[in-house]
Amino acid sequence: GAWTGCMTTRGARARWTEVELGLLPEVRVYVALGRIALEALLAHFGLRKSAHPFRHGAHYPLPGGRHLLASYHVSRQNTQTGRLTREMFLEVLMEAKRLAGL
């Protein structure tokens, strides 16, 4: 399966990430919606931000054959300005589906 997530405060993000991901042991692909979510997942997996910069469509391998994909957040600002289009978002989701073997 695939997981998507976003959080706003660091402390809440770290606690939420730890608890939530503990409930999803079978996840093979994580989709980070925005830089904050990507950084939370990188921290959770002990990976350096400098080696895994945020960019839409980025794909980073994780331990255990899992994958981390990044997407612009699906906020009104990003969608109404065209920074994130429906097609761009669907490309990331289709890649997640492919990597998850679905």
C-alpha atoms as a PDB file:
ATOM      1  CA  GLY A   1       0.000   0.000   0.000  1.00  0.00           C
ATOM      2  CA  ALA A   2       0.921   3.668  -0.082  1.00  0.00           C
ATOM      3  CA  TRP A   3       0.864   6.303   2.673  1.00  0.00           C
ATOM      4  CA  THR A   4       0.393  10.056   2.261  1.00  0.00           C
ATOM      5  CA  GLY A   5       0.772  12.645   4.964  1.00  0.00           C
ATOM      6  CA  CYS A   6       1.411  16.226   5.953  1.00  0.00           C
ATOM      7  CA  MET A   7       1.876  17.941   9.314  1.00  0.00           C
ATOM      8  CA  THR A   8       2.634  21.486  10.400  1.00  0.00           C
ATOM      9  CA  THR A   9       4.524  21.564  13.735  1.00  0.00           C
ATOM     10  CA  ARG A  10       7.771  19.691  14.298  1.00  0.00           C
ATOM     11  CA  GLY A  11       6.954  18.158  17.674  1.00  0.00           C
ATOM     12  CA  ALA A  12       3.482  17.061  16.637  1.00  0.00           C
ATOM     13  CA  ARG A  13       4.839  15.873  13.310  1.00  0.00           C
ATOM     14  CA  ALA A  14       7.497  13.669  14.916  1.00  0.00           C
ATOM     15  CA  ARG A  15       5.066  12.117  17.405  1.00  0.00           C
ATOM     16  CA  TRP A  16       2.355  11.628  14.797  1.00  0.00           C
ATOM     17  CA  THR A  17       4.800  10.124  12.305  1.00  0.00           C
ATOM     18  CA  GLU A  18       6.138   7.643  14.848  1.00  0.00           C
ATOM     19  CA  VAL A  19       2.675   6.505  15.937  1.00  0.00           C
ATOM     20  CA  GLU A  20       1.080   6.475  12.500  1.00  0.00           C
ATOM     21  CA  LEU A  21       3.864   4.630  10.724  1.00  0.00           C
ATOM     22  CA  GLY A  22       3.951   2.075  13.515  1.00  0.00           C
ATOM     23  CA  LEU A  23       0.376   1.203  12.568  1.00  0.00           C
ATOM     24  CA  LEU A  24       1.334   0.629   8.927  1.00  0.00           C
ATOM     25  CA  PRO A  25       4.027  -2.077   8.919  1.00  0.00           C
ATOM     26  CA  GLU A  26       3.215  -3.341   5.419  1.00  0.00           C
ATOM     27  CA  VAL A  27       3.569  -0.001   3.616  1.00  0.00           C
ATOM     28  CA  ARG A  28       5.957  -0.215   0.674  1.00  0.00           C
ATOM     29  CA  VAL A  29       5.640   3.351  -0.650  1.00  0.00           C
ATOM     30  CA  TYR A  30       5.305   6.638   1.234  1.00  0.00           C
ATOM     31  CA  VAL A  31       4.058   9.775  -0.561  1.00  0.00           C
ATOM     32  CA  ALA A  32       5.093  12.968   1.212  1.00  0.00           C
ATOM     33  CA  LEU A  33       2.734  15.851   0.459  1.00  0.00           C
ATOM     34  CA  GLY A  34       5.015  18.862   0.723  1.00  0.00           C
ATOM     35  CA  ARG A  35       8.436  19.650   2.146  1.00  0.00           C
ATOM     36  CA  ILE A  36       7.326  19.382   5.779  1.00  0.00           C
ATOM     37  CA  ALA A  37       5.999  15.843   5.294  1.00  0.00           C
ATOM     38  CA  LEU A  38       9.148  14.848   3.400  1.00  0.00           C
ATOM     39  CA  GLU A  39      11.365  16.167   6.182  1.00  0.00           C
ATOM     40  CA  ALA A  40       9.278  14.306   8.791  1.00  0.00           C
ATOM     41  CA  LEU A  41       9.708  11.041   6.937  1.00  0.00           C
ATOM     42  CA  LEU A  42      13.409  11.630   6.386  1.00  0.00           C
ATOM     43  CA  ALA A  43      13.834  12.261  10.113  1.00  0.00           C
ATOM     44  CA  HIS A  44      11.799   9.165  10.951  1.00  0.00           C
ATOM     45  CA  PHE A  45      14.047   7.000   8.783  1.00  0.00           C
ATOM     46  CA  GLY A  46      17.240   8.730   9.950  1.00  0.00           C
ATOM     47  CA  LEU A  47      18.065  10.163   6.513  1.00  0.00           C
ATOM     48  CA  ARG A  48      19.813  13.500   5.894  1.00  0.00           C
ATOM     49  CA  LYS A  49      17.784  16.305   4.314  1.00  0.00           C
ATOM     50  CA  SER A  50      20.848  17.488   2.392  1.00  0.00           C
ATOM     51  CA  ALA A  51      21.087  14.136   0.606  1.00  0.00           C
ATOM     52  CA  HIS A  52      17.332  14.022  -0.094  1.00  0.00           C
ATOM     53  CA  PRO A  53      16.207  17.487  -1.224  1.00  0.00           C
ATOM     54  CA  PHE A  54      12.532  18.254  -1.769  1.00  0.00           C
ATOM     55  CA  ARG A  55      11.398  18.402  -5.355  1.00  0.00           C
ATOM     56  CA  HIS A  56       8.109  17.358  -6.849  1.00  0.00           C
ATOM     57  CA  GLY A  57       8.341  13.807  -8.150  1.00  0.00           C
ATOM     58  CA  ALA A  58      11.508  12.950  -6.208  1.00  0.00           C
ATOM     59  CA  HIS A  59      11.976   9.236  -5.493  1.00  0.00           C
ATOM     60  CA  TYR A  60      14.206   8.074  -2.661  1.00  0.00           C
ATOM     61  CA  PRO A  61      14.817   4.404  -1.830  1.00  0.00           C
ATOM     62  CA  LEU A  62      14.292   3.422   1.810  1.00  0.00           C
ATOM     63  CA  PRO A  63      15.581   0.471   3.815  1.00  0.00           C
ATOM     64  CA  GLY A  64      13.784  -2.820   3.317  1.00  0.00           C
ATOM     65  CA  GLY A  65      12.935  -2.214  -0.339  1.00  0.00           C
ATOM     66  CA  ARG A  66      10.519   0.603   0.495  1.00  0.00           C
ATOM     67  CA  HIS A  67      10.261   3.915  -1.364  1.00  0.00           C
ATOM     68  CA  LEU A  68       9.651   7.574  -0.565  1.00  0.00           C
ATOM     69  CA  LEU A  69       8.069   9.859  -3.161  1.00  0.00           C
ATOM     70  CA  ALA A  70       7.598  13.614  -2.845  1.00  0.00           C
ATOM     71  CA  SER A  71       4.828  15.804  -4.214  1.00  0.00           C
ATOM     72  CA  TYR A  72       3.900  19.416  -3.854  1.00  0.00           C
ATOM     73  CA  HIS A  73       1.200  19.720  -1.203  1.00  0.00           C
ATOM     74  CA  VAL A  74      -2.326  19.686  -2.622  1.00  0.00           C
ATOM     75  CA  SER A  75      -3.074  23.101  -1.115  1.00  0.00           C
ATOM     76  CA  ARG A  76      -5.385  25.629  -2.726  1.00  0.00           C
ATOM     77  CA  GLN A  77      -2.386  27.895  -3.357  1.00  0.00           C
ATOM     78  CA  ASN A  78      -0.459  25.179  -5.206  1.00  0.00           C
ATOM     79  CA  THR A  79      -3.420  23.962  -7.245  1.00  0.00           C
ATOM     80  CA  GLN A  80      -4.904  27.357  -8.134  1.00  0.00           C
ATOM     81  CA  THR A  81      -1.561  28.798  -9.214  1.00  0.00           C
ATOM     82  CA  GLY A  82      -0.757  25.735 -11.327  1.00  0.00           C
ATOM     83  CA  ARG A  83       2.335  24.812  -9.326  1.00  0.00           C
ATOM     84  CA  LEU A  84       0.647  21.420  -8.876  1.00  0.00           C
ATOM     85  CA  THR A  85      -1.642  20.221 -11.639  1.00  0.00           C
ATOM     86  CA  ARG A  86      -3.942  17.242 -11.598  1.00  0.00           C
ATOM     87  CA  GLU A  87      -1.657  15.516 -14.083  1.00  0.00           C
ATOM     88  CA  MET A  88       1.451  16.137 -11.962  1.00  0.00           C
ATOM     89  CA  PHE A  89      -0.227  14.708  -8.883  1.00  0.00           C
ATOM     90  CA  LEU A  90      -1.582  11.699 -10.770  1.00  0.00           C
ATOM     91  CA  GLU A  91       1.918  10.946 -12.086  1.00  0.00           C
ATOM     92  CA  VAL A  92       3.224  10.708  -8.509  1.00  0.00           C
ATOM     93  CA  LEU A  93       0.288   8.538  -7.439  1.00  0.00           C
ATOM     94  CA  MET A  94       0.709   6.237 -10.428  1.00  0.00           C
ATOM     95  CA  GLU A  95       4.410   5.869  -9.630  1.00  0.00           C
ATOM     96  CA  ALA A  96       3.488   5.010  -6.031  1.00  0.00           C
ATOM     97  CA  LYS A  97       1.053   2.409  -7.305  1.00  0.00           C
ATOM     98  CA  ARG A  98       3.665   0.935  -9.622  1.00  0.00           C
ATOM     99  CA  LEU A  99       6.345   0.795  -6.910  1.00  0.00           C
ATOM    100  CA  ALA A 100       3.853  -0.811  -4.502  1.00  0.00           C
ATOM    101  CA  GLY A 101       3.103  -3.507  -7.056  1.00  0.00           C
ATOM    102  CA  LEU A 102      -0.585  -2.609  -7.260  1.00  0.00           C
END
